[in-house]
Protein backbone atom coordinates (compact mmCIF):
# COMPACT_ATOMS: atom_id res chain seq x y z
CA UNK A 1 119.34 96.58 167.72
CA UNK A 2 118.00 99.31 165.37
CA UNK A 3 117.76 98.56 161.73
CA UNK A 4 117.18 101.08 159.08
CA UNK A 5 114.83 100.17 156.25
CA UNK A 6 115.41 101.93 153.01
CA UNK A 7 112.52 101.87 150.53
CA UNK A 8 113.45 100.68 147.07
CA UNK A 9 114.22 103.57 144.71
CA UNK A 10 111.72 104.08 141.88
CA UNK A 11 112.84 103.06 138.35
CA UNK A 12 114.31 105.98 136.40
CA UNK A 13 111.80 107.77 134.22
CA UNK A 14 112.72 108.35 130.55
CA UNK A 15 115.59 106.98 128.56
CA UNK A 16 118.74 105.92 130.38
CA UNK A 17 121.75 108.11 129.29
CA UNK A 18 124.37 106.25 127.26
CA UNK A 19 127.56 105.37 129.08
CA UNK A 20 130.47 107.86 128.71
CA UNK A 21 132.82 107.10 125.89
CA UNK A 22 136.04 105.30 126.79
CA UNK A 23 139.07 107.44 127.56
CA UNK A 24 141.28 108.31 124.63
CA UNK A 25 144.52 106.33 124.62
CA UNK A 26 147.68 108.14 125.66
CA UNK A 27 150.38 109.09 123.22
CA UNK A 28 152.55 106.26 124.52
CA UNK A 29 149.74 103.73 123.96
CA UNK A 30 149.12 104.94 120.40
CA UNK A 31 152.87 104.83 119.62
CA UNK A 32 153.08 101.27 120.97
CA UNK A 33 150.10 100.19 118.92
CA UNK A 34 151.65 101.70 115.75
CA UNK A 35 155.11 100.14 116.40
CA UNK A 36 153.40 96.74 116.79
CA UNK A 37 151.60 97.16 113.52
CA UNK A 38 148.20 97.59 115.14
CA UNK A 39 145.62 100.26 114.45
CA UNK A 40 144.78 102.86 117.10
CA UNK A 41 141.10 102.75 118.31
CA UNK A 42 138.68 105.17 116.72
CA UNK A 43 140.59 105.60 113.54
CA UNK A 44 138.36 106.49 110.52
CA UNK A 45 139.05 105.68 106.93
CA UNK A 46 137.38 108.36 104.71
CA UNK A 47 136.79 107.76 101.02
CA UNK A 48 139.57 109.67 99.35
CA UNK A 49 139.26 108.80 95.76
CA UNK A 50 138.74 111.16 92.84
CA UNK A 51 135.19 111.70 91.73
CA UNK A 52 135.80 111.88 88.02
CA UNK A 53 133.93 115.22 87.67
CA UNK A 54 135.55 117.93 85.67
CA UNK A 55 136.68 120.99 87.66
CA UNK A 56 134.43 124.03 87.65
CA UNK A 57 135.33 127.64 87.32
CA UNK A 58 135.10 130.03 90.24
CA UNK A 59 131.81 131.95 90.42
CA UNK A 60 132.96 134.63 92.86
CA UNK A 61 135.26 137.56 92.12
CA UNK A 62 138.57 137.41 93.96
CA UNK A 63 138.50 139.17 97.35
CA UNK A 64 139.71 142.80 97.61
CA UNK A 65 143.23 143.22 98.98
CA UNK A 66 143.54 145.48 102.04
CA UNK A 67 145.42 148.09 99.99
CA UNK A 68 142.90 148.16 97.18
CA UNK A 69 140.12 150.69 97.85
CA UNK A 70 137.27 150.42 95.25
CA UNK A 71 135.68 153.71 96.46
CA UNK A 72 138.75 155.85 96.10
CA UNK A 73 139.51 157.52 92.81
CA UNK A 74 142.36 156.16 90.62
CA UNK A 75 145.74 156.86 92.09
CA UNK A 76 144.36 158.18 95.42
CA UNK A 77 144.29 156.17 98.56
CA UNK A 78 142.71 157.07 101.92
CA UNK A 79 142.81 155.41 105.24
CA UNK A 80 139.77 156.11 107.35
CA UNK A 81 139.88 156.03 111.16
CA UNK A 82 136.31 155.99 112.74
CA UNK A 83 137.79 157.31 115.96
CA UNK A 84 139.27 160.50 114.41
CA UNK A 85 137.28 163.31 112.97
CA UNK A 86 140.17 165.52 111.72
CA UNK A 87 142.66 164.26 109.15
CA UNK A 88 146.17 163.72 110.40
CA UNK A 89 148.93 166.17 109.48
CA UNK A 90 151.06 163.11 108.66
CA UNK A 91 148.60 161.74 106.11
CA UNK A 92 150.37 161.01 102.93
CA UNK A 93 153.82 161.78 104.44
CA UNK A 94 156.87 159.57 103.83
CA UNK A 95 158.73 158.65 106.96
CA UNK A 96 162.35 157.68 106.68
CA UNK A 97 163.92 155.55 109.42
CA UNK A 98 167.64 155.44 109.95
CA UNK A 99 168.75 152.35 111.71
CA UNK A 100 172.45 153.26 111.76
CA UNK A 101 173.50 153.79 115.44
CA UNK A 102 177.16 154.83 115.62
CA UNK A 103 177.23 154.71 119.41
CA UNK A 104 176.40 150.93 119.44
CA UNK A 105 179.23 150.06 116.92
CA UNK A 106 182.12 151.17 119.22
């Protein structure tokens, strides 16, 4: 009979990669652990105590609101659209919307 001879594979060069981390437990498994008074795996306990330092004042000015425009003169507001070269004829207009629809109330 024929027999195949396989030469031994060479040892890996360099560091061996670490094994993959274990799969995370399912929600049902975590719920069962908590109901039994056990701690789920991988839970961290950060240090959450006050430092005792006194609070410091903010060093930055408050951010500008979208409706506040520092470059416009007092009382004037402008909305700039980079895709439009001509000002709109509705700029500064007040539009009144009437939501009363008598044909729907019958």
